[in-house]
Structure formats: C-alpha cells, structure tokens
Amino acid sequence: MKIGDVRAMSADEIEDKILELKKEQFNLRFQKATGQLESTSRVRVVRRDIARLKTVSAEMRAGKKAPAAKPAAKAKKAK
C-alpha cells in the first residue's frame, strides 16, 4: 500500500482498512503458530501497512497536511 493511496482515503476508510488488516494479522499469527504460514513476508507487510495507516490517521486528526518533500542537501561551505 502506497502512502499516496492512504492519504487519498477518508478517515472512515482508513479505520475500516485498519480493522481489515488487524484481522489478517491475527489470521497470519495463527497460521504461523500451526505451521501453515507460507508467505512469511506478508506478516511484515501487514504490520507496516497498519503502522502507515495509523500514522496518516493521527496526522489527519492533528490537522497536518502531507509533509513537504525533503529539502536538497546543502553544499558544504569552502574555507
């Protein structure tokens, strides 16, 4: 899930997606415990997607807009 896609969602859509991903995370934990987990990388992806959604949700509640692009590195001053 890309950050641009998340920022385009409404607050309700974000909350719904978080619930969906938490259910998937729960199921993945059970699959791991029973030895049925085939895609171990999915656990990491789901965890990061949840964090991404929660971060954007918190920013929306705080009233922040999307962060500006990182400024270019400043040139070192010659002596």
Foldseek 3Di string as FASTA:
>chain_A
DDLVVLLPDDLVVLVVVLVVLVVVLVVQVVCVVVVNRDDPVVNVVSVVSNVSSVVSSVCVVVVHDDDDDDDDDDDDDDD
